[in-house]
Each structure stands twice: as C-alpha cells, then as structure tokens.
Amino acid sequence: MRLAFTDAGEPIDVGPDAIRDDDAFADLRTQIDEYFAGTRRRFDLELRPQGSAFQRQVWDHLVTIGYGTTQSYGQVAAAIGNPRSSRAVGLANGQNPIAIVVPCHRVIGADGKLTGYAGGMERKRHLLDLERGTPTLG
C-alpha cells in the first residue's frame, strides 16, 4: 500500500494488475477525513510499510512524534540510536510510503526551517499549520 499526494486530475500509475475496490480502505479514508477536519490527532491503523530495516526504524519513530510538534532529522537519528545518520534519516523520510499516517511532514531542518518534502513544501507547511490550528489552505 502507498498513500501519496497527487494534484487534481493527475493520473496515478497503479500497475496492470490493480483492481479498484472503493471499500477496501474505508477505515483509512474515514481517519484521513477526520485528520483534515481537525478531529483526529493519531491514526489507529495496522501499519506494515515495506522498506529496509533502517527505513522501518525511522518510520516507526515518526509515528511517535506528537501531533503539532516537530523534530529535526538529527533528533530523529539520535532517537533511533544512530546520531550520525541524519542524512540517511532524510532519505528514509523521503521514501515513506504512508504519508500523513506516518507523519514525515513533522521532520524539519536543524535550524527549525522546513526542508524537503516528497509532497511539496506547500503541503508540508499546510499540514504543520493544520496541526497547529492555523491552516493555510482552504
């Protein structure tokens, strides 16, 4: 499973064997809707993202970063017991297959500035503002 951003009307490459099932992710859809409505701060889903052991370690830590708060790449690296791996944390963060649910948008630069985000910087800013109660997009 992958949860990623697309722009309106942008085609999604799902592969030749994909079968559409609108009911398959009803709980996920409900929880995402609640998140964007501001009524959900933590997702209650069984997660099994596919990645290397290091990536999964980073992603497991991301879900512990509290709603409306941020950590730097270095803080994440230190938290997983590998304080010199902030660049590798950034790469793992960028490969997160379950955006929003695994909140990679909560990781920022050491100087407190927003840095790279696979969904785009405007989306990252919007997600952080949403969580701080000051949404920037309609």
Protein backbone atom coordinates (compact mmCIF):
# COMPACT_ATOMS: atom_id res chain seq x y z
CA MET A 1 0.00 0.00 0.00
CA ARG A 2 1.12 3.52 -0.70
CA LEU A 3 -0.51 6.75 0.40
CA ALA A 4 0.83 9.71 -1.51
CA PHE A 5 -0.18 13.11 -2.81
CA THR A 6 -1.35 13.83 -6.33
CA ASP A 7 -2.57 17.01 -7.91
CA ALA A 8 -6.19 17.13 -9.07
CA GLY A 9 -6.55 15.36 -12.39
CA GLU A 10 -3.05 13.89 -12.24
CA PRO A 11 -3.05 10.26 -13.43
CA ILE A 12 -1.99 7.62 -10.92
CA ASP A 13 0.09 4.67 -12.11
CA VAL A 14 -1.23 1.71 -10.14
CA GLY A 15 0.07 -1.10 -12.32
CA PRO A 16 -1.59 -3.51 -14.71
CA ASP A 17 -2.90 -5.92 -12.06
CA ALA A 18 -4.64 -3.31 -9.91
CA ILE A 19 -8.30 -3.81 -9.10
CA ARG A 20 -10.34 -0.85 -7.86
CA ASP A 21 -12.10 -1.51 -4.57
CA ASP A 22 -13.54 1.66 -3.04
CA ASP A 23 -14.47 -0.17 0.18
CA ALA A 24 -11.03 -1.67 0.80
CA PHE A 25 -9.71 1.29 2.76
CA ALA A 26 -12.89 2.67 4.32
CA ASP A 27 -11.32 2.97 7.80
CA LEU A 28 -8.27 4.75 6.38
CA ARG A 29 -10.46 7.15 4.41
CA THR A 30 -12.53 7.93 7.50
CA GLN A 31 -9.45 8.58 9.60
CA ILE A 32 -7.83 10.78 6.91
CA ASP A 33 -11.07 12.78 6.66
CA GLU A 34 -11.10 13.17 10.47
CA TYR A 35 -7.45 14.29 10.42
CA PHE A 36 -8.17 17.02 7.87
CA ALA A 37 -11.30 18.05 9.82
CA GLY A 38 -9.07 18.54 12.87
CA THR A 39 -10.77 15.85 14.94
CA ARG A 40 -8.10 13.14 14.70
CA ARG A 41 -4.59 13.55 16.10
CA ARG A 42 -3.39 9.95 15.91
CA PHE A 43 -4.17 7.21 13.42
CA ASP A 44 -5.39 3.83 14.62
CA LEU A 45 -4.37 1.56 11.76
CA GLU A 46 -2.29 -1.58 11.45
CA LEU A 47 0.83 -0.46 9.61
CA ARG A 48 3.31 -2.66 7.76
CA PRO A 49 5.21 -0.38 5.41
CA GLN A 50 7.70 -2.19 3.18
CA GLY A 51 11.28 -0.98 3.39
CA SER A 52 14.73 -1.74 4.74
CA ALA A 53 15.26 -2.35 8.45
CA PHE A 54 16.66 1.18 8.80
CA GLN A 55 13.73 2.74 6.94
CA ARG A 56 11.24 0.89 9.12
CA GLN A 57 13.13 2.03 12.23
CA VAL A 58 12.84 5.65 11.09
CA TRP A 59 9.16 5.26 10.15
CA ASP A 60 8.41 3.59 13.50
CA HIS A 61 9.89 6.62 15.23
CA LEU A 62 7.96 9.10 13.08
CA VAL A 63 4.64 7.87 14.46
CA THR A 64 5.86 8.80 17.96
CA ILE A 65 6.35 12.48 17.04
CA GLY A 66 3.35 14.21 18.56
CA TYR A 67 0.63 15.98 16.63
CA GLY A 68 1.55 19.62 16.12
CA THR A 69 5.20 19.10 17.07
CA THR A 70 8.35 18.64 15.04
CA GLN A 71 11.77 17.05 15.33
CA SER A 72 14.89 17.66 13.30
CA TYR A 73 16.50 14.95 11.21
CA GLY A 74 19.31 14.89 13.78
CA GLN A 75 16.85 14.42 16.64
CA VAL A 76 15.25 11.50 14.81
CA ALA A 77 18.70 10.00 14.15
CA ALA A 78 19.61 10.31 17.84
CA ALA A 79 16.25 8.87 18.92
CA ILE A 80 16.79 5.72 16.87
CA GLY A 81 20.27 5.29 18.35
CA ASN A 82 22.24 6.38 15.30
CA PRO A 83 23.07 10.07 15.88
CA ARG A 84 25.34 10.39 12.84
CA SER A 85 22.69 9.23 10.38
CA SER A 86 20.67 12.41 9.87
CA ARG A 87 21.17 12.29 6.08
CA ALA A 88 20.07 8.66 5.97
CA VAL A 89 17.07 9.63 8.10
CA GLY A 90 16.24 12.25 5.46
CA LEU A 91 16.42 9.65 2.70
CA ALA A 92 14.24 7.22 4.67
CA ASN A 93 11.82 10.03 5.44
CA GLY A 94 11.53 10.78 1.73
CA GLN A 95 10.76 7.13 0.97
CA ASN A 96 7.91 6.92 3.50
CA PRO A 97 5.13 5.02 1.68
CA ILE A 98 2.33 6.15 4.00
CA ALA A 99 2.42 9.95 4.06
CA ILE A 100 0.37 11.70 6.76
CA VAL A 101 -0.36 8.44 8.62
CA VAL A 102 3.40 8.10 9.19
CA PRO A 103 3.97 11.82 9.74
CA CYS A 104 7.15 12.55 7.80
CA HIS A 105 5.96 16.15 7.49
CA ARG A 106 6.88 16.64 11.17
CA VAL A 107 10.61 16.37 10.44
CA ILE A 108 12.38 19.68 9.84
CA GLY A 109 15.88 21.07 9.49
CA ALA A 110 18.16 21.56 12.48
CA ASP A 111 17.69 25.31 12.16
CA GLY A 112 13.91 24.93 12.53
CA LYS A 113 13.23 25.62 8.86
CA LEU A 114 11.10 23.43 6.65
CA THR A 115 13.18 21.27 4.36
CA GLY A 116 12.38 18.81 1.58
CA TYR A 117 9.09 17.01 1.45
CA ALA A 118 8.05 14.48 -1.19
CA GLY A 119 4.55 16.00 -1.25
CA GLY A 120 5.93 19.50 -1.78
CA MET A 121 6.82 22.28 0.63
CA GLU A 122 3.41 23.96 0.40
CA ARG A 123 1.75 20.73 1.53
CA LYS A 124 4.26 20.28 4.36
CA ARG A 125 3.60 23.82 5.58
CA HIS A 126 -0.16 23.26 5.32
CA LEU A 127 -0.03 20.01 7.31
CA LEU A 128 2.04 21.60 10.09
CA ASP A 129 -0.22 24.67 10.15
CA LEU A 130 -3.30 22.42 10.25
CA GLU A 131 -1.87 20.63 13.27
CA ARG A 132 -1.06 23.93 14.97
CA GLY A 133 -4.61 25.16 14.39
CA THR A 134 -3.69 27.73 11.75
CA PRO A 135 -4.49 26.12 8.38
CA THR A 136 -3.06 27.97 5.40
CA LEU A 137 -5.06 26.33 2.59
CA GLY A 138 -8.79 26.06 2.05
